[in-house]
Amino acid sequence: MSHPEQLTSPSLNRSKRFATLALITAIMVWFLLIIIAKLLPGYAWLIHILMLAAEAGVVGGLADWYAITVLFRNPFGKVPIPGFLKNHTEIIPRNKARIAESMGRFVQENFLSPQIVEKSLKNTDLSLAVGQWLADPRNNRQVVEVIQQTVPGIFDFVGQQQIGHFIQNNSVQWIRNTHINQLASEMLRAVLENDFHQDVLQRGLDMAHQWMVQHPEETQQLTRKMFKELGVSRLARGASWIGIDVQQRTIDSLLEKVESMLADPEHPVRQKIEETANELMLQLADGNSRASIKLNETKNALLDSASVLNFITGAVVILCDAIKTDLLKPDSGIAMNLRVAIQQVGENLTQNQPVRALLNDRMSGIAVNLSDQYSEKVIRFISERIHEWDSREMIDKIENEVGGDLHMIRVNGVVVGAFIGLILGVIRAMIDLAL
């Protein structure tokens, strides 16, 4: 069965026809000149010059035809010929293995070697090019359009019952096999080292203080409920009979505590929170600590709960459906926000040289590392693919690509041979006249 790539290209067919026509023309002219020389013996000297040109054109055309043909096949077919001739036919098929190795080595040495990759990337500001590309509204619109076209299809695929169960089961198994105490410890370390916890605490205290000041009635209701839960509500009412408002004093004391914590970054409560967080971080770093064991046991208990898994699955389905529905809208809000975000990232990249320098260094390091690790595998892959090619298929591929130019060499052989023959004929005639 023939493949589309094995069909002869129109340009190759034209070159073949033109070369064959040039050779046939040279042969016909040669025969015609032989006849004319018999009919016009008085012009034999001129006809012999032209005849020599035609003969040289025929020889040149046939020689180039032979040279081009033996590259791809044996022009003698099954005719027995001497070994020194046969061994130099079908040059490309006979040397397929060497060609495969040479092509692979050429790609490695000129494109994939770590030195070449590093040198190429050293003088290239990749992050600037990426930033400029992303900052172009036409490009970020195309990126978002691709997202709008592919993400709904991915959600539909993942949403299939069998695929969904497969992903859920493997995700649950992965989480079950993961000791999340280490992850929690590292996350807590990042929070503490960047003082993110202080910012969160400050904002929390601000919100609590503001709410208590602006909602005194709700604050009193919460205080009464707390007293009731603690069983001291009757005691508080009894104290109010003698003029002591325990609830208001509790609220005032709480406000005073919050205000003092807001005003003092070194407040003992703040210090206690930080000490507790650091102690918890160290405990979670130890997989055998009580906190780590309790955390992993809680994780496994949640994974064993069907209601929890159903809730998570339902929430994911609802979220995916909402995202898919929005992305399918012509005026998608998600798509609009993505375009704005992508454009901002591109503009920030073009304007922030230190970030670009860092990204370029990272990308260059990754590319060099990949080229060092995988260049040999790429070369092996190229060589193996060429080895697997059928000889006939390989010949067709090469001939379709360069055969047109090769067969034009046959035309050049006829023309150049005829021209050289004409010059030699003139030189011989001049020598005959001189003698």
Protein backbone atom coordinates (compact mmCIF):
# COMPACT_ATOMS: atom_id res chain seq x y z
CA MET A 1 0.00 0.00 0.00
CA SER A 2 1.49 3.33 -0.99
CA HIS A 3 1.72 6.19 1.45
CA PRO A 4 0.99 9.83 0.54
CA GLU A 5 4.57 10.85 1.17
CA GLN A 6 5.76 8.21 -1.35
CA LEU A 7 3.93 9.83 -4.26
CA THR A 8 6.24 11.49 -6.75
CA SER A 9 6.09 15.27 -6.51
CA PRO A 10 5.08 17.28 -9.62
CA SER A 11 8.38 19.19 -9.63
CA LEU A 12 10.33 15.92 -9.70
CA ASN A 13 8.27 14.65 -12.62
CA ARG A 14 8.86 17.89 -14.54
CA SER A 15 12.61 17.71 -13.95
CA LYS A 16 12.72 14.09 -15.13
CA ARG A 17 10.76 14.86 -18.29
CA PHE A 18 12.88 17.90 -19.07
CA ALA A 19 16.15 15.96 -18.55
CA THR A 20 14.94 13.05 -20.69
CA LEU A 21 13.80 15.44 -23.42
CA ALA A 22 17.23 17.16 -23.41
CA LEU A 23 19.01 13.80 -23.79
CA ILE A 24 16.67 12.62 -26.58
CA THR A 25 17.15 15.93 -28.37
CA ALA A 26 20.95 15.56 -28.23
CA ILE A 27 20.70 11.99 -29.62
CA MET A 28 18.35 13.05 -32.45
CA VAL A 29 20.62 15.95 -33.38
CA TRP A 30 23.57 13.57 -33.45
CA PHE A 31 21.78 11.17 -35.83
CA LEU A 32 20.55 14.04 -37.96
CA LEU A 33 24.07 15.46 -38.31
CA ILE A 34 25.38 12.03 -39.40
CA ILE A 35 22.81 12.00 -42.24
CA ILE A 36 23.52 15.62 -43.21
CA ALA A 37 27.27 14.91 -43.34
CA LYS A 38 26.57 12.22 -45.98
CA LEU A 39 24.29 14.54 -47.96
CA LEU A 40 26.53 17.63 -47.80
CA PRO A 41 30.15 16.47 -48.00
CA GLY A 42 31.27 20.01 -48.83
CA TYR A 43 30.34 21.20 -45.34
CA ALA A 44 31.75 18.16 -43.57
CA TRP A 45 34.21 20.25 -41.52
CA LEU A 46 31.38 22.36 -40.03
CA ILE A 47 29.08 19.37 -39.56
CA HIS A 48 31.83 17.45 -37.76
CA ILE A 49 32.22 20.34 -35.28
CA LEU A 50 28.47 20.28 -34.55
CA MET A 51 28.48 16.46 -34.47
CA LEU A 52 31.23 16.47 -31.84
CA ALA A 53 29.16 18.91 -29.75
CA ALA A 54 26.09 16.62 -30.02
CA GLU A 55 28.15 13.53 -29.14
CA ALA A 56 29.62 15.28 -26.09
CA GLY A 57 26.09 16.35 -25.06
CA VAL A 58 24.86 12.73 -25.30
CA VAL A 59 27.84 11.46 -23.31
CA GLY A 60 27.39 14.16 -20.66
CA GLY A 61 23.67 13.47 -20.33
CA LEU A 62 24.14 9.69 -20.08
CA ALA A 63 27.02 10.03 -17.61
CA ASP A 64 25.00 12.30 -15.31
CA TRP A 65 21.95 10.02 -15.62
CA TYR A 66 24.08 7.10 -14.51
CA ALA A 67 25.66 9.05 -11.65
CA ILE A 68 22.26 10.17 -10.31
CA THR A 69 20.59 6.79 -10.77
CA VAL A 70 23.23 4.81 -8.85
CA LEU A 71 22.58 7.02 -5.84
CA PHE A 72 19.12 5.46 -5.45
CA ARG A 73 19.06 2.16 -7.37
CA ASN A 74 20.95 -0.27 -9.61
CA PRO A 75 20.45 0.89 -13.23
CA PHE A 76 21.52 -2.52 -14.56
CA GLY A 77 18.67 -4.35 -12.85
CA LYS A 78 19.30 -8.11 -12.87
CA VAL A 79 21.93 -7.93 -15.62
CA PRO A 80 25.16 -9.54 -14.32
CA ILE A 81 27.89 -6.91 -14.04
CA PRO A 82 31.38 -6.86 -12.48
CA GLY A 83 31.50 -6.49 -8.70
CA PHE A 84 33.40 -3.19 -8.81
CA LEU A 85 30.43 -1.69 -10.66
CA LYS A 86 27.66 -3.37 -8.69
CA ASN A 87 29.23 -2.48 -5.34
CA HIS A 88 28.96 1.20 -6.22
CA THR A 89 25.25 1.24 -7.08
CA GLU A 90 22.31 1.85 -4.69
CA ILE A 91 24.63 4.06 -2.68
CA ILE A 92 21.98 5.55 -0.36
CA PRO A 93 20.18 2.27 0.51
CA ARG A 94 23.50 0.47 1.06
CA ASN A 95 24.68 3.19 3.44
CA LYS A 96 21.41 3.70 5.33
CA ALA A 97 22.97 2.80 8.68
CA ARG A 98 25.88 5.19 8.19
CA ILE A 99 23.52 7.95 7.03
CA ALA A 100 21.35 7.42 10.13
CA GLU A 101 24.37 7.63 12.43
CA SER A 102 25.75 10.69 10.62
CA MET A 103 22.42 12.54 10.75
CA GLY A 104 22.04 11.82 14.46
CA ARG A 105 25.59 12.91 15.20
CA PHE A 106 25.12 16.07 13.10
CA VAL A 107 22.01 17.05 15.08
CA GLN A 108 23.79 16.40 18.37
CA GLU A 109 26.97 18.29 17.55
CA ASN A 110 25.27 21.30 15.94
CA PHE A 111 22.02 21.66 17.88
CA LEU A 112 21.80 19.59 21.07
CA SER A 113 25.21 19.60 22.70
CA PRO A 114 25.29 21.44 26.07
CA GLN A 115 27.98 23.81 24.78
CA ILE A 116 25.91 24.81 21.73
CA VAL A 117 22.73 25.21 23.78
CA GLU A 118 24.49 27.31 26.41
CA LYS A 119 26.17 29.49 23.78
CA SER A 120 22.90 30.00 21.89
CA LEU A 121 20.94 30.95 25.01
CA LYS A 122 23.69 33.12 26.48
CA ASN A 123 23.12 35.89 23.95
CA THR A 124 19.34 35.45 23.82
CA ASP A 125 16.94 37.23 26.17
CA LEU A 126 14.28 34.52 26.15
CA SER A 127 12.17 36.04 28.92
CA LEU A 128 12.09 39.39 27.10
CA ALA A 129 10.88 37.68 23.93
CA VAL A 130 8.26 35.78 25.94
CA GLY A 131 7.19 38.95 27.71
CA GLN A 132 6.85 40.92 24.49
CA TRP A 133 4.91 38.07 22.92
CA LEU A 134 2.51 37.79 25.86
CA ALA A 135 2.08 41.58 26.06
CA ASP A 136 0.78 41.67 22.47
CA PRO A 137 -3.06 41.62 22.70
CA ARG A 138 -3.28 39.44 19.59
CA ASN A 139 -1.08 36.77 21.14
CA ASN A 140 -2.66 36.67 24.59
CA ARG A 141 -6.07 36.53 22.89
CA GLN A 142 -4.89 33.45 20.98
CA VAL A 143 -3.64 31.86 24.20
CA VAL A 144 -6.97 32.43 25.91
CA GLU A 145 -8.86 31.12 22.86
CA VAL A 146 -6.82 27.91 23.03
CA ILE A 147 -7.67 27.62 26.73
CA GLN A 148 -11.36 28.19 25.99
CA GLN A 149 -11.29 25.48 23.34
CA THR A 150 -9.31 22.85 25.27
CA VAL A 151 -10.30 23.19 28.94
CA PRO A 152 -14.02 22.33 28.42
CA GLY A 153 -12.96 19.25 26.45
CA ILE A 154 -10.61 18.22 29.25
CA PHE A 155 -13.39 18.66 31.81
CA ASP A 156 -15.73 16.56 29.64
CA PHE A 157 -13.09 13.83 29.41
CA VAL A 158 -12.35 13.88 33.14
CA GLY A 159 -16.09 14.02 33.86
CA GLN A 160 -16.70 10.62 32.27
CA GLN A 161 -17.67 8.12 34.94
CA GLN A 162 -14.84 5.64 34.40
CA ILE A 163 -12.18 8.34 34.03
CA GLY A 164 -13.54 10.21 37.05
CA HIS A 165 -13.42 7.10 39.23
CA PHE A 166 -9.93 6.28 37.98
CA ILE A 167 -8.63 9.77 38.83
CA GLN A 168 -10.42 9.82 42.19
CA ASN A 169 -9.13 6.39 43.24
CA ASN A 170 -5.55 7.19 42.24
CA SER A 171 -5.68 10.64 43.85
CA VAL A 172 -6.99 9.17 47.11
CA GLN A 173 -4.30 6.49 47.04
CA TRP A 174 -1.60 9.10 46.37
CA ILE A 175 -2.79 11.27 49.26
CA ARG A 176 -3.04 8.22 51.52
CA ASN A 177 0.58 7.28 50.75
CA THR A 178 1.80 10.85 51.30
CA HIS A 179 3.00 11.88 54.76
CA ILE A 180 1.54 15.36 54.87
CA ASN A 181 3.29 16.24 58.13
CA GLN A 182 6.45 17.13 56.16
CA LEU A 183 4.43 19.27 53.75
CA ALA A 184 2.65 21.00 56.62
CA SER A 185 5.97 21.60 58.39
CA GLU A 186 7.53 23.22 55.31
CA MET A 187 4.45 25.37 54.72
CA LEU A 188 4.52 26.52 58.33
CA ARG A 189 8.25 27.24 58.04
CA ALA A 190 7.61 29.43 54.96
CA VAL A 191 4.91 31.32 56.85
CA LEU A 192 7.08 31.92 59.91
CA GLU A 193 10.27 32.85 58.03
CA ASN A 194 8.40 35.47 55.98
CA ASP A 195 6.46 36.83 59.00
CA PHE A 196 3.26 36.09 57.15
CA HIS A 197 1.68 34.94 60.42
CA GLN A 198 2.20 38.40 61.95
CA ASP A 199 0.40 40.01 59.03
CA VAL A 200 -2.49 37.54 59.34
CA LEU A 201 -2.69 38.04 63.10
CA GLN A 202 -2.60 41.82 62.71
CA ARG A 203 -5.40 41.79 60.18
CA GLY A 204 -7.42 39.38 62.33
CA LEU A 205 -7.06 41.57 65.41
CA ASP A 206 -7.98 44.67 63.41
CA MET A 207 -11.13 43.01 62.12
CA ALA A 208 -12.10 41.68 65.57
CA HIS A 209 -11.56 45.06 67.22
CA GLN A 210 -13.46 46.91 64.51
CA TRP A 211 -16.38 44.48 64.67
CA MET A 212 -16.63 44.67 68.48
CA VAL A 213 -16.62 48.47 68.40
CA GLN A 214 -19.18 48.74 65.60
CA HIS A 215 -21.52 45.98 66.84
CA PRO A 216 -21.88 46.41 70.62
CA GLU A 217 -25.27 44.65 70.81
CA GLU A 218 -24.03 41.56 68.94
CA THR A 219 -20.94 41.55 71.19
CA GLN A 220 -23.13 41.55 74.30
CA GLN A 221 -25.24 38.71 72.90
CA LEU A 222 -22.09 36.65 72.27
CA THR A 223 -20.91 37.39 75.82
CA ARG A 224 -24.24 36.33 77.31
CA LYS A 225 -24.14 33.11 75.26
CA MET A 226 -20.59 32.43 76.41
CA PHE A 227 -21.57 32.97 80.06
CA LYS A 228 -24.52 30.65 79.59
CA GLU A 229 -22.32 27.94 78.09
CA LEU A 230 -19.86 28.34 80.95
CA GLY A 231 -22.70 28.17 83.53
CA VAL A 232 -21.94 31.59 85.08
CA SER A 233 -24.91 33.52 83.68
CA ARG A 234 -26.74 33.51 87.05
CA LEU A 235 -23.61 34.75 88.79
CA ALA A 236 -23.33 37.58 86.28
CA ARG A 237 -26.98 38.57 86.82
CA GLY A 238 -26.46 38.47 90.60
CA ALA A 239 -23.46 40.77 90.30
CA SER A 240 -25.51 43.20 88.25
CA TRP A 241 -27.92 43.61 91.22
CA ILE A 242 -25.12 45.16 93.23
CA GLY A 243 -24.05 47.43 90.35
CA ILE A 244 -21.35 45.27 88.76
CA ASP A 245 -21.88 44.75 85.00
CA VAL A 246 -19.78 41.60 84.50
CA GLN A 247 -20.64 41.32 80.79
CA GLN A 248 -19.57 44.87 79.97
CA ARG A 249 -16.40 44.50 82.05
CA THR A 250 -15.60 41.32 80.13
CA ILE A 251 -16.14 43.11 76.82
CA ASP A 252 -14.07 46.09 77.95
CA SER A 253 -11.29 43.79 79.14
CA LEU A 254 -11.34 41.93 75.86
CA LEU A 255 -11.17 45.18 73.88
CA GLU A 256 -8.30 46.33 76.04
CA LYS A 257 -6.43 43.08 75.38
CA VAL A 258 -6.99 43.36 71.65
CA GLU A 259 -5.88 47.00 71.59
CA SER A 260 -2.74 46.22 73.58
CA MET A 261 -1.91 43.36 71.17
CA LEU A 262 -2.46 45.71 68.22
CA ALA A 263 -0.18 48.36 69.69
CA ASP A 264 2.66 46.05 70.80
CA PRO A 265 4.35 43.78 68.19
CA GLU A 266 6.23 42.15 71.10
CA HIS A 267 3.10 41.43 73.10
CA PRO A 268 3.37 38.20 75.16
CA VAL A 269 0.35 36.72 73.40
CA ARG A 270 1.98 37.33 70.04
CA GLN A 271 5.20 35.78 71.33
CA LYS A 272 3.28 32.79 72.66
CA ILE A 273 1.56 32.27 69.29
CA GLU A 274 4.91 32.37 67.50
CA GLU A 275 6.51 29.98 69.99
CA THR A 276 3.61 27.57 69.62
CA ALA A 277 3.84 27.75 65.82
CA ASN A 278 7.61 27.09 65.87
CA GLU A 279 7.15 24.16 68.25
CA LEU A 280 4.42 22.73 66.00
CA MET A 281 6.66 23.14 62.96
CA LEU A 282 9.45 21.15 64.62
CA GLN A 283 7.04 18.44 65.75
CA LEU A 284 5.60 18.08 62.25
CA ALA A 285 9.11 17.75 60.82
CA ASP A 286 9.49 14.60 62.93
CA GLY A 287 7.40 11.83 61.39
CA ASN A 288 7.28 9.94 64.72
CA SER A 289 6.02 12.86 66.80
CA ARG A 290 2.54 12.80 68.28
CA ALA A 291 1.44 15.78 66.16
CA SER A 292 2.60 14.11 62.92
CA ILE A 293 0.93 10.81 63.77
CA LYS A 294 -2.30 12.59 64.72
CA LEU A 295 -2.28 14.65 61.52
CA ASN A 296 -1.76 11.59 59.30
CA GLU A 297 -4.38 9.63 61.19
CA THR A 298 -6.86 12.48 60.72
CA LYS A 299 -6.03 12.59 57.02
CA ASN A 300 -6.63 8.85 56.63
CA ALA A 301 -9.87 9.06 58.61
CA LEU A 302 -11.15 11.75 56.27
CA LEU A 303 -10.18 9.65 53.25
CA ASP A 304 -12.09 6.71 54.72
CA SER A 305 -15.21 8.82 55.08
CA ALA A 306 -17.58 8.34 52.14
CA SER A 307 -19.42 11.56 52.97
CA VAL A 308 -16.21 13.59 52.84
CA LEU A 309 -15.18 12.07 49.50
CA ASN A 310 -18.67 12.64 48.08
CA PHE A 311 -18.59 16.23 49.26
CA ILE A 312 -15.18 16.86 47.67
CA THR A 313 -16.22 15.12 44.44
CA GLY A 314 -19.44 17.10 44.27
CA ALA A 315 -17.65 20.37 44.94
CA VAL A 316 -15.10 19.61 42.21
CA VAL A 317 -17.86 18.73 39.74
CA ILE A 318 -19.77 21.94 40.52
CA LEU A 319 -16.58 24.01 40.18
CA CYS A 320 -15.61 22.35 36.88
CA ASP A 321 -19.12 22.83 35.46
CA ALA A 322 -19.10 26.49 36.47
CA ILE A 323 -15.69 27.07 34.85
CA LYS A 324 -16.67 25.19 31.69
CA THR A 325 -19.98 27.07 31.37
CA ASP A 326 -18.25 30.41 31.77
CA LEU A 327 -15.47 29.58 29.29
CA LEU A 328 -18.03 28.59 26.65
CA LYS A 329 -19.67 32.02 26.82
CA PRO A 330 -18.67 34.59 24.17
CA ASP A 331 -18.26 37.18 26.94
CA SER A 332 -16.54 34.82 29.38
CA GLY A 333 -15.44 36.58 32.57
CA ILE A 334 -12.70 34.02 33.20
CA ALA A 335 -11.34 34.51 29.68
CA MET A 336 -11.36 38.29 30.11
CA ASN A 337 -9.49 38.05 33.41
CA LEU A 338 -7.00 35.60 31.88
CA ARG A 339 -6.27 38.01 29.02
CA VAL A 340 -5.67 40.85 31.45
CA ALA A 341 -3.47 38.67 33.67
CA ILE A 342 -1.41 37.34 30.74
CA GLN A 343 -0.90 40.84 29.36
CA GLN A 344 0.17 42.14 32.77
CA VAL A 345 2.65 39.28 33.15
CA GLY A 346 4.09 40.08 29.73
CA GLU A 347 4.37 43.80 30.46
CA ASN A 348 5.95 43.16 33.86
CA LEU A 349 8.48 40.81 32.28
CA THR A 350 9.53 43.39 29.70
CA GLN A 351 9.96 46.07 32.37
CA ASN A 352 11.65 44.05 35.13
CA GLN A 353 15.23 43.34 34.07
CA PRO A 354 16.35 41.58 37.29
CA VAL A 355 13.47 39.10 37.04
CA ARG A 356 14.28 38.51 33.36
CA ALA A 357 17.93 37.87 34.20
CA LEU A 358 16.92 35.34 36.86
CA LEU A 359 14.45 33.60 34.52
CA ASN A 360 16.98 33.50 31.68
CA ASP A 361 19.57 31.95 33.99
CA ARG A 362 17.07 29.33 35.19
CA MET A 363 15.83 28.51 31.69
CA SER A 364 19.38 28.30 30.37
CA GLY A 365 20.36 25.95 33.18
CA ILE A 366 17.33 23.74 32.56
CA ALA A 367 17.95 23.65 28.80
CA VAL A 368 21.64 22.79 29.25
CA ASN A 369 20.77 20.09 31.77
CA LEU A 370 18.12 18.61 29.45
CA SER A 371 20.48 18.65 26.48
CA ASP A 372 23.16 16.93 28.57
CA GLN A 373 20.75 14.24 29.76
CA TYR A 374 18.66 13.61 26.67
CA SER A 375 20.75 14.51 23.61
CA GLU A 376 22.05 10.94 23.31
CA LYS A 377 18.49 9.62 23.55
CA VAL A 378 17.35 12.02 20.82
CA ILE A 379 20.22 10.93 18.58
CA ARG A 380 19.41 7.29 19.23
CA PHE A 381 15.76 7.95 18.45
CA ILE A 382 16.61 9.64 15.12
CA SER A 383 18.98 6.82 14.15
CA GLU A 384 16.47 4.12 15.08
CA ARG A 385 13.69 5.79 13.08
CA ILE A 386 15.92 6.00 10.00
CA HIS A 387 16.99 2.36 10.49
CA GLU A 388 13.32 1.39 10.59
CA TRP A 389 12.53 3.13 7.32
CA ASP A 390 11.90 0.86 4.37
CA SER A 391 14.66 1.40 1.78
CA ARG A 392 12.09 2.13 -0.92
CA GLU A 393 10.33 4.62 1.33
CA MET A 394 13.61 6.34 2.24
CA ILE A 395 14.61 6.61 -1.43
CA ASP A 396 11.23 8.13 -2.29
CA LYS A 397 11.53 10.66 0.56
CA ILE A 398 15.02 11.77 -0.45
CA GLU A 399 14.26 11.77 -4.17
CA ASN A 400 11.13 13.84 -3.67
CA GLU A 401 13.10 16.40 -1.69
CA VAL A 402 16.24 16.77 -3.84
CA GLY A 403 15.50 14.72 -6.96
CA GLY A 404 14.26 17.72 -8.91
CA ASP A 405 17.60 19.49 -8.60
CA LEU A 406 19.50 16.25 -9.23
CA HIS A 407 17.72 15.58 -12.51
CA MET A 408 18.37 19.15 -13.62
CA ILE A 409 22.04 18.17 -13.39
CA ARG A 410 21.31 15.82 -16.31
CA VAL A 411 20.18 18.82 -18.34
CA ASN A 412 23.35 20.64 -17.33
CA GLY A 413 25.35 17.56 -18.42
CA VAL A 414 23.83 17.71 -21.91
CA VAL A 415 24.32 21.48 -22.26
CA VAL A 416 27.80 21.66 -20.73
CA GLY A 417 28.92 18.53 -22.61
CA ALA A 418 27.68 19.97 -25.91
CA PHE A 419 29.42 23.28 -25.23
CA ILE A 420 32.71 21.55 -24.38
CA GLY A 421 32.36 19.34 -27.46
CA LEU A 422 31.78 22.43 -29.60
CA ILE A 423 34.94 24.07 -28.25
CA LEU A 424 36.97 20.89 -28.85
CA GLY A 425 35.55 20.65 -32.39
CA VAL A 426 36.54 24.22 -33.15
CA ILE A 427 40.06 23.62 -31.79
CA ARG A 428 40.40 20.45 -33.93
CA ALA A 429 39.19 22.29 -37.01
CA MET A 430 41.64 25.11 -36.44
CA ILE A 431 44.48 22.60 -36.06
CA ASP A 432 43.44 20.83 -39.29
CA LEU A 433 43.36 24.16 -41.17
CA ALA A 434 46.77 25.15 -39.77
CA LEU A 435 48.31 21.87 -40.90
